[in-house]
């Protein structure tokens, strides 16, 4: 993950709250139906799970497969951003110490809650 993403996520963990829309962002809107920018840099990338809107495509320059997530709003829904943040705080107060396995497990737990 980009270092700026790690910094933003650790800031959210420290503050204990989601940030909502960042109306000052030059890339807004980056996703349709965007509600929250706390996880601008997706902590699950690549999740390789199409159920949230992502898909595999070929990179325009290299021709190699990459995970495209511009259609995914999972982490950008306010209710999910709050659940993600709560889960991160339970896992560790430093995002850098949370394993990829634990992140993907958290993602699946939230998705399972949605389907109940």
N, C-alpha and C. Protein backbone atom coordinates (compact mmCIF):
# COMPACT_ATOMS: atom_id res chain seq x y z
N UNK A 1 0.84 -1.18 0.00
CA UNK A 1 0.00 0.00 0.00
C UNK A 1 0.89 1.24 0.00
N UNK A 2 0.39 2.26 -0.66
CA UNK A 2 1.08 3.55 -0.70
C UNK A 2 1.25 4.08 0.73
N UNK A 3 2.39 4.67 1.02
CA UNK A 3 2.68 5.17 2.37
C UNK A 3 1.64 6.19 2.84
N UNK A 4 1.15 7.02 1.93
CA UNK A 4 0.13 8.01 2.30
C UNK A 4 -1.12 7.30 2.82
N UNK A 5 -1.46 6.16 2.21
CA UNK A 5 -2.61 5.39 2.67
C UNK A 5 -2.42 4.88 4.09
N UNK A 6 -1.23 4.38 4.39
CA UNK A 6 -0.93 3.90 5.74
C UNK A 6 -1.05 5.04 6.76
N UNK A 7 -0.55 6.20 6.39
CA UNK A 7 -0.61 7.36 7.28
C UNK A 7 -2.06 7.76 7.54
N UNK A 8 -2.87 7.82 6.49
CA UNK A 8 -4.28 8.20 6.65
C UNK A 8 -5.05 7.19 7.50
N UNK A 9 -4.77 5.90 7.29
CA UNK A 9 -5.47 4.87 8.06
C UNK A 9 -5.05 4.93 9.53
N UNK A 10 -3.75 5.09 9.79
CA UNK A 10 -3.30 5.21 11.18
C UNK A 10 -3.89 6.44 11.86
N UNK A 11 -4.06 7.51 11.10
CA UNK A 11 -4.68 8.73 11.65
C UNK A 11 -6.13 8.45 12.05
N UNK A 12 -6.85 7.72 11.18
CA UNK A 12 -8.25 7.38 11.49
C UNK A 12 -8.32 6.48 12.72
N UNK A 13 -7.40 5.51 12.82
CA UNK A 13 -7.37 4.62 13.99
C UNK A 13 -7.11 5.45 15.25
N UNK A 14 -6.15 6.35 15.19
CA UNK A 14 -5.81 7.18 16.35
C UNK A 14 -6.99 8.05 16.77
N UNK A 15 -7.67 8.66 15.78
CA UNK A 15 -8.81 9.54 16.07
C UNK A 15 -10.07 8.77 16.42
N UNK A 16 -10.15 7.51 15.96
CA UNK A 16 -11.30 6.68 16.26
C UNK A 16 -12.57 7.06 15.54
N UNK A 17 -12.42 7.76 14.41
CA UNK A 17 -13.62 8.14 13.66
C UNK A 17 -13.34 8.22 12.17
N UNK A 18 -14.40 7.98 11.39
CA UNK A 18 -14.28 8.08 9.93
C UNK A 18 -14.34 9.56 9.55
N UNK A 19 -13.84 9.89 8.35
CA UNK A 19 -13.74 11.31 7.98
C UNK A 19 -14.86 11.82 7.10
N UNK A 20 -15.68 10.92 6.56
CA UNK A 20 -16.73 11.37 5.64
C UNK A 20 -16.15 11.71 4.29
N UNK A 21 -16.80 12.58 3.55
CA UNK A 21 -16.30 13.00 2.24
C UNK A 21 -15.21 14.04 2.39
N UNK A 22 -14.14 13.87 1.63
CA UNK A 22 -13.07 14.87 1.60
C UNK A 22 -13.34 15.77 0.40
N UNK A 23 -14.11 16.80 0.62
CA UNK A 23 -14.53 17.68 -0.48
C UNK A 23 -13.39 18.49 -1.08
N UNK A 24 -12.24 18.50 -0.42
CA UNK A 24 -11.08 19.21 -0.95
C UNK A 24 -10.25 18.35 -1.90
N UNK A 25 -10.59 17.08 -2.02
CA UNK A 25 -9.80 16.15 -2.84
C UNK A 25 -9.98 16.44 -4.33
N UNK A 26 -8.87 16.54 -5.03
CA UNK A 26 -8.92 16.82 -6.47
C UNK A 26 -9.48 15.65 -7.27
N UNK A 27 -9.53 14.45 -6.70
CA UNK A 27 -10.02 13.27 -7.41
C UNK A 27 -11.50 12.97 -7.15
N UNK A 28 -12.12 13.75 -6.28
CA UNK A 28 -13.52 13.53 -5.96
C UNK A 28 -14.39 13.93 -7.14
N UNK A 29 -15.35 13.13 -7.56
CA UNK A 29 -15.66 11.80 -7.05
C UNK A 29 -14.84 10.72 -7.76
N UNK A 30 -14.27 9.84 -6.99
CA UNK A 30 -13.46 8.76 -7.57
C UNK A 30 -14.28 7.49 -7.76
N UNK A 31 -15.37 7.38 -7.02
CA UNK A 31 -16.29 6.24 -7.14
C UNK A 31 -17.71 6.80 -7.16
N UNK A 32 -18.60 6.10 -7.84
CA UNK A 32 -20.01 6.49 -7.79
C UNK A 32 -20.56 6.16 -6.41
N UNK A 33 -21.53 6.91 -5.97
CA UNK A 33 -22.20 6.69 -4.68
C UNK A 33 -21.23 6.74 -3.51
N UNK A 34 -20.18 7.51 -3.62
CA UNK A 34 -19.18 7.66 -2.58
C UNK A 34 -19.77 8.36 -1.36
N UNK A 35 -19.57 7.79 -0.17
CA UNK A 35 -20.06 8.38 1.07
C UNK A 35 -18.93 8.74 2.03
N UNK A 36 -17.80 8.02 1.96
CA UNK A 36 -16.74 8.19 2.94
C UNK A 36 -15.37 7.99 2.32
N UNK A 37 -14.43 8.85 2.67
CA UNK A 37 -13.07 8.82 2.10
C UNK A 37 -12.02 8.31 3.08
N UNK A 38 -12.42 7.79 4.23
CA UNK A 38 -11.45 7.33 5.22
C UNK A 38 -10.46 6.34 4.63
N UNK A 39 -10.96 5.42 3.82
CA UNK A 39 -10.11 4.39 3.24
C UNK A 39 -9.90 4.66 1.75
N UNK A 40 -9.47 5.87 1.45
CA UNK A 40 -9.18 6.29 0.08
C UNK A 40 -8.25 5.27 -0.58
N UNK A 41 -7.20 4.91 0.12
CA UNK A 41 -6.30 3.86 -0.35
C UNK A 41 -6.82 2.56 0.24
N UNK A 42 -7.35 1.70 -0.60
CA UNK A 42 -8.04 0.50 -0.11
C UNK A 42 -7.09 -0.42 0.65
N UNK A 43 -7.45 -0.70 1.88
CA UNK A 43 -6.65 -1.58 2.71
C UNK A 43 -6.81 -3.04 2.34
N UNK A 44 -7.76 -3.36 1.48
CA UNK A 44 -7.98 -4.74 1.06
C UNK A 44 -7.41 -5.03 -0.33
N UNK A 45 -6.87 -4.03 -0.99
CA UNK A 45 -6.41 -4.19 -2.37
C UNK A 45 -5.19 -5.09 -2.45
N UNK A 46 -5.20 -6.04 -3.37
CA UNK A 46 -6.34 -6.51 -4.14
C UNK A 46 -7.10 -7.58 -3.37
N UNK A 47 -8.39 -7.47 -3.30
CA UNK A 47 -9.18 -8.48 -2.58
C UNK A 47 -9.46 -9.68 -3.48
N UNK A 48 -9.42 -9.45 -4.79
CA UNK A 48 -9.69 -10.52 -5.77
C UNK A 48 -11.05 -11.17 -5.55
N UNK A 49 -12.02 -10.37 -5.13
CA UNK A 49 -13.36 -10.87 -4.86
C UNK A 49 -14.36 -10.00 -5.62
N UNK A 50 -14.98 -10.54 -6.66
CA UNK A 50 -15.89 -9.74 -7.49
C UNK A 50 -17.21 -9.34 -6.82
N UNK A 51 -17.54 -9.90 -5.66
CA UNK A 51 -18.85 -9.61 -5.07
C UNK A 51 -19.01 -8.14 -4.64
N UNK A 52 -17.92 -7.39 -4.54
CA UNK A 52 -18.04 -5.97 -4.18
C UNK A 52 -17.82 -5.05 -5.37
N UNK A 53 -17.74 -5.61 -6.57
CA UNK A 53 -17.67 -4.79 -7.77
C UNK A 53 -16.34 -4.78 -8.48
N UNK A 54 -15.31 -5.35 -7.88
CA UNK A 54 -14.01 -5.40 -8.53
C UNK A 54 -13.96 -6.49 -9.59
N UNK A 55 -12.96 -6.39 -10.44
CA UNK A 55 -12.80 -7.39 -11.50
C UNK A 55 -11.37 -7.36 -12.01
N UNK A 56 -10.97 -8.45 -12.64
CA UNK A 56 -9.63 -8.51 -13.21
C UNK A 56 -9.66 -7.97 -14.63
N UNK A 57 -8.66 -7.16 -14.96
CA UNK A 57 -8.54 -6.64 -16.32
C UNK A 57 -7.07 -6.63 -16.69
N UNK A 58 -6.81 -6.38 -17.96
CA UNK A 58 -5.42 -6.32 -18.41
C UNK A 58 -4.90 -4.89 -18.31
N UNK A 59 -3.72 -4.76 -17.77
CA UNK A 59 -3.08 -3.44 -17.64
C UNK A 59 -2.86 -2.87 -19.03
N UNK A 60 -3.19 -1.60 -19.21
CA UNK A 60 -3.13 -0.99 -20.55
C UNK A 60 -1.72 -0.92 -21.12
N UNK A 61 -0.70 -0.81 -20.28
CA UNK A 61 0.67 -0.73 -20.79
C UNK A 61 1.38 -2.08 -20.81
N UNK A 62 1.21 -2.87 -19.75
CA UNK A 62 1.97 -4.12 -19.66
C UNK A 62 1.24 -5.32 -20.24
N UNK A 63 -0.08 -5.23 -20.31
CA UNK A 63 -0.87 -6.37 -20.77
C UNK A 63 -1.04 -7.45 -19.72
N UNK A 64 -0.51 -7.22 -18.52
CA UNK A 64 -0.62 -8.20 -17.43
C UNK A 64 -1.93 -7.98 -16.67
N UNK A 65 -2.48 -9.06 -16.11
CA UNK A 65 -3.72 -8.91 -15.35
C UNK A 65 -3.51 -8.10 -14.07
N UNK A 66 -4.45 -7.21 -13.79
CA UNK A 66 -4.46 -6.43 -12.55
C UNK A 66 -5.88 -6.43 -11.99
N UNK A 67 -6.01 -6.11 -10.71
CA UNK A 67 -7.32 -6.04 -10.09
C UNK A 67 -7.83 -4.60 -10.21
N UNK A 68 -9.00 -4.46 -10.82
CA UNK A 68 -9.62 -3.15 -11.01
C UNK A 68 -10.74 -2.99 -9.99
N UNK A 69 -10.71 -1.91 -9.25
CA UNK A 69 -11.72 -1.75 -8.19
C UNK A 69 -12.47 -0.42 -8.26
N UNK A 70 -12.42 0.24 -9.40
CA UNK A 70 -13.11 1.53 -9.51
C UNK A 70 -14.62 1.40 -9.35
N UNK A 71 -15.15 0.20 -9.53
CA UNK A 71 -16.60 -0.02 -9.36
C UNK A 71 -16.96 -0.41 -7.93
N UNK A 72 -15.97 -0.60 -7.08
CA UNK A 72 -16.21 -1.05 -5.70
C UNK A 72 -16.42 0.14 -4.78
N UNK A 73 -17.48 0.11 -4.00
CA UNK A 73 -17.71 1.16 -3.02
C UNK A 73 -17.79 0.59 -1.60
N UNK A 74 -17.41 -0.66 -1.43
CA UNK A 74 -17.50 -1.35 -0.13
C UNK A 74 -16.92 -0.52 1.01
N UNK A 75 -15.67 -0.11 0.90
CA UNK A 75 -15.01 0.64 1.98
C UNK A 75 -15.42 2.11 2.00
N UNK A 76 -16.18 2.54 1.01
CA UNK A 76 -16.58 3.94 0.90
C UNK A 76 -18.02 4.19 1.33
N UNK A 77 -18.71 3.14 1.79
CA UNK A 77 -20.03 3.31 2.41
C UNK A 77 -19.78 3.65 3.88
N UNK A 78 -20.44 4.65 4.39
CA UNK A 78 -20.20 5.10 5.76
C UNK A 78 -20.36 3.96 6.76
N UNK A 79 -21.41 3.17 6.64
CA UNK A 79 -21.63 2.09 7.62
C UNK A 79 -20.48 1.08 7.57
N UNK A 80 -19.97 0.78 6.39
CA UNK A 80 -18.86 -0.16 6.29
C UNK A 80 -17.56 0.46 6.79
N UNK A 81 -17.33 1.74 6.47
CA UNK A 81 -16.12 2.42 6.94
C UNK A 81 -16.07 2.40 8.47
N UNK A 82 -17.20 2.61 9.11
CA UNK A 82 -17.25 2.57 10.58
C UNK A 82 -16.95 1.17 11.11
N UNK A 83 -17.51 0.15 10.46
CA UNK A 83 -17.24 -1.23 10.88
C UNK A 83 -15.78 -1.60 10.65
N UNK A 84 -15.23 -1.17 9.53
CA UNK A 84 -13.82 -1.44 9.24
C UNK A 84 -12.94 -0.79 10.30
N UNK A 85 -13.20 0.47 10.59
CA UNK A 85 -12.40 1.19 11.58
C UNK A 85 -12.49 0.52 12.95
N UNK A 86 -13.68 0.15 13.35
CA UNK A 86 -13.87 -0.53 14.63
C UNK A 86 -13.07 -1.84 14.66
N UNK A 87 -13.11 -2.58 13.56
CA UNK A 87 -12.35 -3.83 13.48
C UNK A 87 -10.85 -3.60 13.52
N UNK A 88 -10.38 -2.56 12.85
CA UNK A 88 -8.95 -2.23 12.87
C UNK A 88 -8.48 -1.88 14.27
N UNK A 89 -9.28 -1.12 14.98
CA UNK A 89 -8.92 -0.73 16.34
C UNK A 89 -8.83 -1.96 17.23
N UNK A 90 -9.73 -2.92 17.05
CA UNK A 90 -9.67 -4.16 17.82
C UNK A 90 -8.42 -4.96 17.49
N UNK A 91 -8.02 -4.94 16.22
CA UNK A 91 -6.86 -5.73 15.80
C UNK A 91 -5.55 -5.14 16.30
N UNK A 92 -5.39 -3.83 16.19
CA UNK A 92 -4.15 -3.19 16.62
C UNK A 92 -4.27 -1.69 16.42
N UNK A 93 -3.60 -0.92 17.23
CA UNK A 93 -3.63 0.53 17.08
C UNK A 93 -2.63 1.04 16.06
N UNK A 94 -1.86 0.13 15.46
CA UNK A 94 -0.92 0.49 14.39
C UNK A 94 -1.25 -0.35 13.17
N UNK A 95 -1.74 0.30 12.13
CA UNK A 95 -2.14 -0.41 10.91
C UNK A 95 -1.00 -1.24 10.34
N UNK A 96 0.23 -0.76 10.47
CA UNK A 96 1.38 -1.46 9.92
C UNK A 96 1.61 -2.83 10.54
N UNK A 97 1.03 -3.08 11.71
CA UNK A 97 1.21 -4.35 12.41
C UNK A 97 0.07 -5.34 12.18
N UNK A 98 -0.91 -4.95 11.37
CA UNK A 98 -2.05 -5.83 11.09
C UNK A 98 -1.74 -6.64 9.85
N UNK A 99 -1.90 -7.95 9.95
CA UNK A 99 -1.56 -8.83 8.83
C UNK A 99 -2.59 -8.75 7.71
N UNK A 100 -2.15 -9.05 6.53
CA UNK A 100 -3.05 -9.10 5.35
C UNK A 100 -4.16 -10.11 5.60
N UNK A 101 -3.80 -11.22 6.20
CA UNK A 101 -4.79 -12.27 6.51
C UNK A 101 -5.88 -11.72 7.43
N UNK A 102 -5.50 -10.97 8.45
CA UNK A 102 -6.49 -10.39 9.36
C UNK A 102 -7.36 -9.34 8.67
N UNK A 103 -6.76 -8.58 7.76
CA UNK A 103 -7.54 -7.58 7.01
C UNK A 103 -8.61 -8.25 6.15
N UNK A 104 -8.22 -9.29 5.43
CA UNK A 104 -9.19 -9.98 4.57
C UNK A 104 -10.25 -10.70 5.39
N UNK A 105 -9.88 -11.21 6.56
CA UNK A 105 -10.86 -11.83 7.45
C UNK A 105 -11.87 -10.79 7.93
N UNK A 106 -11.40 -9.61 8.29
CA UNK A 106 -12.28 -8.51 8.71
C UNK A 106 -13.25 -8.16 7.58
N UNK A 107 -12.75 -8.07 6.38
CA UNK A 107 -13.58 -7.76 5.21
C UNK A 107 -14.70 -8.78 5.05
N UNK A 108 -14.34 -10.06 5.15
CA UNK A 108 -15.35 -11.12 5.00
C UNK A 108 -16.38 -11.08 6.12
N UNK A 109 -15.95 -10.77 7.34
CA UNK A 109 -16.89 -10.67 8.46
C UNK A 109 -17.93 -9.58 8.20
N UNK A 110 -17.49 -8.46 7.68
CA UNK A 110 -18.41 -7.35 7.39
C UNK A 110 -19.34 -7.72 6.24
N UNK A 111 -18.81 -8.37 5.22
CA UNK A 111 -19.65 -8.82 4.11
C UNK A 111 -20.69 -9.83 4.58
N UNK A 112 -20.29 -10.73 5.48
CA UNK A 112 -21.23 -11.72 6.02
C UNK A 112 -22.35 -11.04 6.81
N UNK A 113 -22.01 -9.98 7.55
CA UNK A 113 -23.03 -9.22 8.29
C UNK A 113 -24.05 -8.61 7.33
N UNK A 114 -23.56 -8.11 6.19
CA UNK A 114 -24.45 -7.49 5.20
C UNK A 114 -25.42 -8.49 4.60
N UNK A 115 -24.98 -9.74 4.46
CA UNK A 115 -25.81 -10.73 3.80
C UNK A 115 -26.82 -11.37 4.74
N UNK A 116 -26.67 -11.14 6.06
CA UNK A 116 -27.62 -11.72 7.03
C UNK A 116 -28.97 -11.05 6.97
